[in-house]
Amino acid sequence: AFQKQDAVFIGSKRLLGKKSSKRSLRYWRNVGLSFSTPKEAKEGNYVDKKCPFTGNVSIRGKILKGMVISTKMKRTIIIRRNY
């Protein structure tokens, strides 16, 4: 199936005599909290509605600093924090 980003309207009418650029429209945003938006989110072509940079998800909760100990579980990591 054709995938598109929800925030980008692709059905605009073209104007007569105007050349269309090959660059596709892409929605990305700055999520704040001193996170920089990755280059892949700005220039890539993936579609993910659950991505905080290109989708409709906000970052909530606490920001943790630590060392990753294990990534054996799905979508879960174990971190070691220094108190």
PDB file of N, CA and C in Angstrom:
ATOM      1  N   ALA A   1       0.829  -1.176   0.000  1.00  0.00           N
ATOM      2  CA  ALA A   1       0.000   0.000   0.000  1.00  0.00           C
ATOM      3  C   ALA A   1       0.878   1.245   0.000  1.00  0.00           C
ATOM      4  N   PHE A   2       0.342   2.321  -0.521  1.00  0.00           N
ATOM      5  CA  PHE A   2       1.091   3.579  -0.585  1.00  0.00           C
ATOM      6  C   PHE A   2       1.137   4.209   0.796  1.00  0.00           C
ATOM      7  N   GLN A   3       2.342   4.525   1.250  1.00  0.00           N
ATOM      8  CA  GLN A   3       2.493   5.143   2.565  1.00  0.00           C
ATOM      9  C   GLN A   3       2.847   6.603   2.395  1.00  0.00           C
ATOM     10  N   LYS A   4       2.222   7.452   3.203  1.00  0.00           N
ATOM     11  CA  LYS A   4       2.532   8.865   3.188  1.00  0.00           C
ATOM     12  C   LYS A   4       2.480   9.392   4.611  1.00  0.00           C
ATOM     13  N   GLN A   5       3.094  10.538   4.811  1.00  0.00           N
ATOM     14  CA  GLN A   5       3.035  11.166   6.117  1.00  0.00           C
ATOM     15  C   GLN A   5       1.714  11.904   6.245  1.00  0.00           C
ATOM     16  N   ASP A   6       1.103  11.854   7.421  1.00  0.00           N
ATOM     17  CA  ASP A   6      -0.189  12.493   7.626  1.00  0.00           C
ATOM     18  C   ASP A   6      -0.119  14.012   7.506  1.00  0.00           C
ATOM     19  N   ALA A   7       0.996  14.608   7.877  1.00  0.00           N
ATOM     20  CA  ALA A   7       1.097  16.061   7.920  1.00  0.00           C
ATOM     21  C   ALA A   7       1.431  16.687   6.567  1.00  0.00           C
ATOM     22  N   VAL A   8       1.648  15.886   5.533  1.00  0.00           N
ATOM     23  CA  VAL A   8       2.036  16.405   4.223  1.00  0.00           C
ATOM     24  C   VAL A   8       0.898  16.171   3.242  1.00  0.00           C
ATOM     25  N   PHE A   9       0.438  17.250   2.598  1.00  0.00           N
ATOM     26  CA  PHE A   9      -0.624  17.152   1.598  1.00  0.00           C
ATOM     27  C   PHE A   9       0.015  16.958   0.237  1.00  0.00           C
ATOM     28  N   ILE A  10      -0.285  15.842  -0.425  1.00  0.00           N
ATOM     29  CA  ILE A  10       0.359  15.533  -1.702  1.00  0.00           C
ATOM     30  C   ILE A  10      -0.571  15.709  -2.891  1.00  0.00           C
ATOM     31  N   GLY A  11      -1.810  16.142  -2.658  1.00  0.00           N
ATOM     32  CA  GLY A  11      -2.769  16.270  -3.750  1.00  0.00           C
ATOM     33  C   GLY A  11      -2.927  17.680  -4.265  1.00  0.00           C
ATOM     34  N   SER A  12      -1.916  18.526  -4.110  1.00  0.00           N
ATOM     35  CA  SER A  12      -2.054  19.909  -4.562  1.00  0.00           C
ATOM     36  C   SER A  12      -2.034  19.961  -6.085  1.00  0.00           C
ATOM     37  N   LYS A  13      -2.770  20.904  -6.625  1.00  0.00           N
ATOM     38  CA  LYS A  13      -2.841  21.062  -8.080  1.00  0.00           C
ATOM     39  C   LYS A  13      -1.578  21.757  -8.560  1.00  0.00           C
ATOM     40  N   ARG A  14      -1.047  21.315  -9.685  1.00  0.00           N
ATOM     41  CA  ARG A  14       0.143  21.972 -10.211  1.00  0.00           C
ATOM     42  C   ARG A  14      -0.267  23.183 -11.022  1.00  0.00           C
ATOM     43  N   LEU A  15       0.559  24.206 -10.986  1.00  0.00           N
ATOM     44  CA  LEU A  15       0.291  25.430 -11.721  1.00  0.00           C
ATOM     45  C   LEU A  15       0.794  25.287 -13.147  1.00  0.00           C
ATOM     46  N   LEU A  16       0.114  25.927 -14.093  1.00  0.00           N
ATOM     47  CA  LEU A  16       0.503  25.854 -15.494  1.00  0.00           C
ATOM     48  C   LEU A  16       1.834  26.563 -15.707  1.00  0.00           C
ATOM     49  N   GLY A  17       2.728  25.918 -16.398  1.00  0.00           N
ATOM     50  CA  GLY A  17       4.009  26.515 -16.729  1.00  0.00           C
ATOM     51  C   GLY A  17       5.035  26.463 -15.619  1.00  0.00           C
ATOM     52  N   LYS A  18       4.689  25.957 -14.483  1.00  0.00           N
ATOM     53  CA  LYS A  18       5.632  25.910 -13.364  1.00  0.00           C
ATOM     54  C   LYS A  18       6.253  24.523 -13.294  1.00  0.00           C
ATOM     55  N   LYS A  19       7.553  24.467 -13.245  1.00  0.00           N
ATOM     56  CA  LYS A  19       8.257  23.197 -13.132  1.00  0.00           C
ATOM     57  C   LYS A  19       8.195  22.722 -11.686  1.00  0.00           C
ATOM     58  N   SER A  20       7.869  21.472 -11.509  1.00  0.00           N
ATOM     59  CA  SER A  20       7.819  20.920 -10.153  1.00  0.00           C
ATOM     60  C   SER A  20       9.201  20.411  -9.768  1.00  0.00           C
ATOM     61  N   SER A  21       9.553  20.636  -8.533  1.00  0.00           N
ATOM     62  CA  SER A  21      10.848  20.163  -8.063  1.00  0.00           C
ATOM     63  C   SER A  21      10.743  18.683  -7.714  1.00  0.00           C
ATOM     64  N   LYS A  22      11.825  17.969  -7.881  1.00  0.00           N
ATOM     65  CA  LYS A  22      11.848  16.534  -7.580  1.00  0.00           C
ATOM     66  C   LYS A  22      11.935  16.267  -6.086  1.00  0.00           C
ATOM     67  N   ARG A  23      12.228  17.283  -5.305  1.00  0.00           N
ATOM     68  CA  ARG A  23      12.365  17.124  -3.860  1.00  0.00           C
ATOM     69  C   ARG A  23      10.986  16.924  -3.242  1.00  0.00           C
ATOM     70  N   SER A  24      10.811  15.818  -2.556  1.00  0.00           N
ATOM     71  CA  SER A  24       9.522  15.522  -1.954  1.00  0.00           C
ATOM     72  C   SER A  24       9.360  16.297  -0.650  1.00  0.00           C
ATOM     73  N   LEU A  25       8.107  16.573  -0.319  1.00  0.00           N
ATOM     74  CA  LEU A  25       7.822  17.268   0.928  1.00  0.00           C
ATOM     75  C   LEU A  25       7.971  16.300   2.085  1.00  0.00           C
ATOM     76  N   ARG A  26       8.547  16.764   3.172  1.00  0.00           N
ATOM     77  CA  ARG A  26       8.797  15.909   4.325  1.00  0.00           C
ATOM     78  C   ARG A  26       8.488  16.685   5.593  1.00  0.00           C
ATOM     79  N   TYR A  27       7.751  16.067   6.499  1.00  0.00           N
ATOM     80  CA  TYR A  27       7.427  16.668   7.785  1.00  0.00           C
ATOM     81  C   TYR A  27       8.392  16.148   8.836  1.00  0.00           C
ATOM     82  N   TRP A  28       9.042  17.057   9.545  1.00  0.00           N
ATOM     83  CA  TRP A  28       9.851  16.695  10.696  1.00  0.00           C
ATOM     84  C   TRP A  28       9.789  17.853  11.673  1.00  0.00           C
ATOM     85  N   ARG A  29      10.106  17.582  12.931  1.00  0.00           N
ATOM     86  CA  ARG A  29      10.010  18.641  13.934  1.00  0.00           C
ATOM     87  C   ARG A  29      11.106  18.504  14.968  1.00  0.00           C
ATOM     88  N   ASN A  30      11.304  19.579  15.687  1.00  0.00           N
ATOM     89  CA  ASN A  30      12.245  19.614  16.795  1.00  0.00           C
ATOM     90  C   ASN A  30      11.466  19.237  18.047  1.00  0.00           C
ATOM     91  N   VAL A  31      11.843  18.146  18.690  1.00  0.00           N
ATOM     92  CA  VAL A  31      11.085  17.665  19.844  1.00  0.00           C
ATOM     93  C   VAL A  31      11.464  18.384  21.129  1.00  0.00           C
ATOM     94  N   GLY A  32      12.506  19.198  21.116  1.00  0.00           N
ATOM     95  CA  GLY A  32      12.908  19.921  22.307  1.00  0.00           C
ATOM     96  C   GLY A  32      13.730  19.063  23.237  1.00  0.00           C
ATOM     97  N   LEU A  33      13.847  19.477  24.477  1.00  0.00           N
ATOM     98  CA  LEU A  33      14.579  18.762  25.527  1.00  0.00           C
ATOM     99  C   LEU A  33      16.031  18.496  25.135  1.00  0.00           C
ATOM    100  N   SER A  34      16.606  19.394  24.377  1.00  0.00           N
ATOM    101  CA  SER A  34      17.999  19.350  23.915  1.00  0.00           C
ATOM    102  C   SER A  34      18.310  18.128  23.058  1.00  0.00           C
ATOM    103  N   PHE A  35      17.304  17.556  22.393  1.00  0.00           N
ATOM    104  CA  PHE A  35      17.521  16.496  21.415  1.00  0.00           C
ATOM    105  C   PHE A  35      17.634  17.136  20.047  1.00  0.00           C
ATOM    106  N   SER A  36      18.654  16.775  19.280  1.00  0.00           N
ATOM    107  CA  SER A  36      18.730  17.256  17.915  1.00  0.00           C
ATOM    108  C   SER A  36      18.036  16.255  16.995  1.00  0.00           C
ATOM    109  N   THR A  37      17.381  16.771  15.972  1.00  0.00           N
ATOM    110  CA  THR A  37      16.664  15.912  15.029  1.00  0.00           C
ATOM    111  C   THR A  37      17.670  15.190  14.148  1.00  0.00           C
ATOM    112  N   PRO A  38      17.588  13.872  14.015  1.00  0.00           N
ATOM    113  CA  PRO A  38      18.555  13.132  13.202  1.00  0.00           C
ATOM    114  C   PRO A  38      18.453  13.493  11.717  1.00  0.00           C
ATOM    115  N   LYS A  39      19.561  13.342  11.020  1.00  0.00           N
ATOM    116  CA  LYS A  39      19.600  13.639   9.590  1.00  0.00           C
ATOM    117  C   LYS A  39      18.677  12.704   8.816  1.00  0.00           C
ATOM    118  N   GLU A  40      18.575  11.453   9.257  1.00  0.00           N
ATOM    119  CA  GLU A  40      17.696  10.486   8.592  1.00  0.00           C
ATOM    120  C   GLU A  40      16.231  10.914   8.682  1.00  0.00           C
ATOM    121  N   ALA A  41      15.846  11.560   9.778  1.00  0.00           N
ATOM    122  CA  ALA A  41      14.469  12.026   9.915  1.00  0.00           C
ATOM    123  C   ALA A  41      14.187  13.194   8.981  1.00  0.00           C
ATOM    124  N   LYS A  42      15.182  14.043   8.743  1.00  0.00           N
ATOM    125  CA  LYS A  42      14.993  15.203   7.873  1.00  0.00           C
ATOM    126  C   LYS A  42      15.043  14.836   6.399  1.00  0.00           C
ATOM    127  N   GLU A  43      15.954  13.957   6.024  1.00  0.00           N
ATOM    128  CA  GLU A  43      16.199  13.692   4.612  1.00  0.00           C
ATOM    129  C   GLU A  43      15.782  12.301   4.165  1.00  0.00           C
ATOM    130  N   GLY A  44      15.366  11.443   5.074  1.00  0.00           N
ATOM    131  CA  GLY A  44      15.017  10.074   4.721  1.00  0.00           C
ATOM    132  C   GLY A  44      13.662   9.973   4.047  1.00  0.00           C
ATOM    133  N   ASN A  45      13.230   8.748   3.788  1.00  0.00           N
ATOM    134  CA  ASN A  45      11.926   8.556   3.162  1.00  0.00           C
ATOM    135  C   ASN A  45      11.077   7.531   3.910  1.00  0.00           C
ATOM    136  N   TYR A  46      11.423   7.235   5.157  1.00  0.00           N
ATOM    137  CA  TYR A  46      10.628   6.284   5.920  1.00  0.00           C
ATOM    138  C   TYR A  46       9.372   6.964   6.463  1.00  0.00           C
ATOM    139  N   VAL A  47       8.348   6.175   6.709  1.00  0.00           N
ATOM    140  CA  VAL A  47       7.089   6.666   7.264  1.00  0.00           C
ATOM    141  C   VAL A  47       6.811   5.885   8.538  1.00  0.00           C
ATOM    142  N   ASP A  48       6.793   6.578   9.664  1.00  0.00           N
ATOM    143  CA  ASP A  48       6.541   5.941  10.954  1.00  0.00           C
ATOM    144  C   ASP A  48       5.706   6.893  11.792  1.00  0.00           C
ATOM    145  N   LYS A  49       4.458   6.534  12.050  1.00  0.00           N
ATOM    146  CA  LYS A  49       3.587   7.427  12.811  1.00  0.00           C
ATOM    147  C   LYS A  49       3.927   7.444  14.294  1.00  0.00           C
ATOM    148  N   LYS A  50       4.775   6.512  14.756  1.00  0.00           N
ATOM    149  CA  LYS A  50       5.150   6.472  16.159  1.00  0.00           C
ATOM    150  C   LYS A  50       6.552   7.026  16.411  1.00  0.00           C
ATOM    151  N   CYS A  51       7.131   7.676  15.424  1.00  0.00           N
ATOM    152  CA  CYS A  51       8.449   8.300  15.578  1.00  0.00           C
ATOM    153  C   CYS A  51       8.253   9.689  16.179  1.00  0.00           C
ATOM    154  N   PRO A  52       9.007  10.066  17.210  1.00  0.00           N
ATOM    155  CA  PRO A  52       8.818  11.394  17.798  1.00  0.00           C
ATOM    156  C   PRO A  52       9.282  12.531  16.892  1.00  0.00           C
ATOM    157  N   PHE A  53      10.120  12.258  15.899  1.00  0.00           N
ATOM    158  CA  PHE A  53      10.613  13.306  15.022  1.00  0.00           C
ATOM    159  C   PHE A  53       9.745  13.496  13.786  1.00  0.00           C
ATOM    160  N   THR A  54       9.162  12.426  13.253  1.00  0.00           N
ATOM    161  CA  THR A  54       8.377  12.531  12.025  1.00  0.00           C
ATOM    162  C   THR A  54       6.923  12.133  12.207  1.00  0.00           C
ATOM    163  N   GLY A  55       6.540  11.657  13.365  1.00  0.00           N
ATOM    164  CA  GLY A  55       5.181  11.189  13.578  1.00  0.00           C
ATOM    165  C   GLY A  55       4.406  12.081  14.524  1.00  0.00           C
ATOM    166  N   ASN A  56       3.446  11.470  15.203  1.00  0.00           N
ATOM    167  CA  ASN A  56       2.533  12.214  16.069  1.00  0.00           C
ATOM    168  C   ASN A  56       2.670  11.741  17.512  1.00  0.00           C
ATOM    169  N   VAL A  57       3.897  11.591  17.989  1.00  0.00           N
ATOM    170  CA  VAL A  57       4.153  11.107  19.342  1.00  0.00           C
ATOM    171  C   VAL A  57       4.981  12.146  20.082  1.00  0.00           C
ATOM    172  N   SER A  58       4.635  12.398  21.321  1.00  0.00           N
ATOM    173  CA  SER A  58       5.433  13.313  22.129  1.00  0.00           C
ATOM    174  C   SER A  58       6.294  12.515  23.094  1.00  0.00           C
ATOM    175  N   ILE A  59       7.419  13.098  23.473  1.00  0.00           N
ATOM    176  CA  ILE A  59       8.306  12.456  24.437  1.00  0.00           C
ATOM    177  C   ILE A  59       7.828  12.846  25.831  1.00  0.00           C
ATOM    178  N   ARG A  60       7.534  11.845  26.646  1.00  0.00           N
ATOM    179  CA  ARG A  60       7.020  12.089  27.989  1.00  0.00           C
ATOM    180  C   ARG A  60       7.903  11.388  29.005  1.00  0.00           C
ATOM    181  N   GLY A  61       7.704  11.709  30.256  1.00  0.00           N
ATOM    182  CA  GLY A  61       8.417  11.010  31.311  1.00  0.00           C
ATOM    183  C   GLY A  61       9.740  11.656  31.647  1.00  0.00           C
ATOM    184  N   LYS A  62      10.668  10.857  32.113  1.00  0.00           N
ATOM    185  CA  LYS A  62      11.958  11.352  32.561  1.00  0.00           C
ATOM    186  C   LYS A  62      13.037  11.040  31.535  1.00  0.00           C
ATOM    187  N   ILE A  63      14.038  11.885  31.511  1.00  0.00           N
ATOM    188  CA  ILE A  63      15.220  11.662  30.691  1.00  0.00           C
ATOM    189  C   ILE A  63      16.279  11.055  31.612  1.00  0.00           C
ATOM    190  N   LEU A  64      16.768   9.878  31.267  1.00  0.00           N
ATOM    191  CA  LEU A  64      17.724   9.165  32.108  1.00  0.00           C
ATOM    192  C   LEU A  64      19.099   9.193  31.482  1.00  0.00           C
ATOM    193  N   LYS A  65      20.123   9.267  32.330  1.00  0.00           N
ATOM    194  CA  LYS A  65      21.497   9.116  31.886  1.00  0.00           C
ATOM    195  C   LYS A  65      22.073   7.890  32.548  1.00  0.00           C
ATOM    196  N   GLY A  66      22.762   7.078  31.760  1.00  0.00           N
ATOM    197  CA  GLY A  66      23.341   5.866  32.302  1.00  0.00           C
ATOM    198  C   GLY A  66      24.004   5.057  31.217  1.00  0.00           C
ATOM    199  N   MET A  67      24.471   3.871  31.589  1.00  0.00           N
ATOM    200  CA  MET A  67      25.126   2.976  30.641  1.00  0.00           C
ATOM    201  C   MET A  67      24.191   1.801  30.357  1.00  0.00           C
ATOM    202  N   VAL A  68      24.032   1.458  29.080  1.00  0.00           N
ATOM    203  CA  VAL A  68      23.166   0.350  28.694  1.00  0.00           C
ATOM    204  C   VAL A  68      23.862  -0.965  29.042  1.00  0.00           C
ATOM    205  N   ILE A  69      23.178  -1.796  29.809  1.00  0.00           N
ATOM    206  CA  ILE A  69      23.723  -3.081  30.240  1.00  0.00           C
ATOM    207  C   ILE A  69      23.208  -4.213  29.358  1.00  0.00           C
ATOM    208  N   SER A  70      21.905  -4.207  29.051  1.00  0.00           N
ATOM    209  CA  SER A  70      21.322  -5.320  28.303  1.00  0.00           C
ATOM    210  C   SER A  70      20.226  -4.809  27.370  1.00  0.00           C
ATOM    211  N   THR A  71      20.153  -5.422  26.176  1.00  0.00           N
ATOM    212  CA  THR A  71      19.081  -5.124  25.223  1.00  0.00           C
ATOM    213  C   THR A  71      18.431  -6.422  24.752  1.00  0.00           C
ATOM    214  N   LYS A  72      18.319  -7.399  25.637  1.00  0.00           N
ATOM    215  CA  LYS A  72      17.819  -8.718  25.252  1.00  0.00           C
ATOM    216  C   LYS A  72      16.307  -8.742  25.043  1.00  0.00           C
ATOM    217  N   MET A  73      15.576  -7.923  25.777  1.00  0.00           N
ATOM    218  CA  MET A  73      14.124  -7.907  25.640  1.00  0.00           C
ATOM    219  C   MET A  73      13.703  -7.011  24.484  1.00  0.00           C
ATOM    220  N   LYS A  74      12.505  -7.240  23.975  1.00  0.00           N
ATOM    221  CA  LYS A  74      11.983  -6.402  22.902  1.00  0.00           C
ATOM    222  C   LYS A  74      11.574  -5.053  23.464  1.00  0.00           C
ATOM    223  N   ARG A  75      12.009  -3.990  22.805  1.00  0.00           N
ATOM    224  CA  ARG A  75      11.640  -2.606  23.148  1.00  0.00           C
ATOM    225  C   ARG A  75      11.944  -2.245  24.593  1.00  0.00           C
ATOM    226  N   THR A  76      12.907  -2.896  25.204  1.00  0.00           N
ATOM    227  CA  THR A  76      13.256  -2.653  26.601  1.00  0.00           C
ATOM    228  C   THR A  76      14.765  -2.735  26.765  1.00  0.00           C
ATOM    229  N   ILE A  77      15.323  -1.830  27.540  1.00  0.00           N
ATOM    230  CA  ILE A  77      16.746  -1.910  27.852  1.00  0.00           C
ATOM    231  C   ILE A  77      16.915  -1.856  29.367  1.00  0.00           C
ATOM    232  N   ILE A  78      18.047  -2.348  29.823  1.00  0.00           N
ATOM    233  CA  ILE A  78      18.419  -2.261  31.225  1.00  0.00           C
ATOM    234  C   ILE A  78      19.605  -1.305  31.283  1.00  0.00           C
ATOM    235  N   ILE A  79      19.488  -0.267  32.120  1.00  0.00           N
ATOM    236  CA  ILE A  79      20.562   0.712  32.225  1.00  0.00           C
ATOM    237  C   ILE A  79      21.116   0.706  33.646  1.00  0.00           C
ATOM    238  N   ARG A  80      22.390   1.081  33.747  1.00  0.00           N
ATOM    239  CA  ARG A  80      23.041   1.234  35.055  1.00  0.00           C
ATOM    240  C   ARG A  80      23.233   2.716  35.286  1.00  0.00           C
ATOM    241  N   ARG A  81      22.710   3.196  36.407  1.00  0.00           N
ATOM    242  CA  ARG A  81      22.827   4.603  36.732  1.00  0.00           C
ATOM    243  C   ARG A  81      23.766   4.800  37.898  1.00  0.00           C
ATOM    244  N   ASN A  82      24.477   5.903  37.899  1.00  0.00           N
ATOM    245  CA  ASN A  82      25.332   6.284  39.008  1.00  0.00           C
ATOM    246  C   ASN A  82      24.623   7.361  39.807  1.00  0.00           C
ATOM    247  N   TYR A  83      24.344   7.059  41.065  1.00  0.00           N
ATOM    248  CA  TYR A  83      23.610   7.997  41.894  1.00  0.00           C
ATOM    249  C   TYR A  83      24.553   8.935  42.595  1.00  0.00           C
TER     250      TYR A  83
END
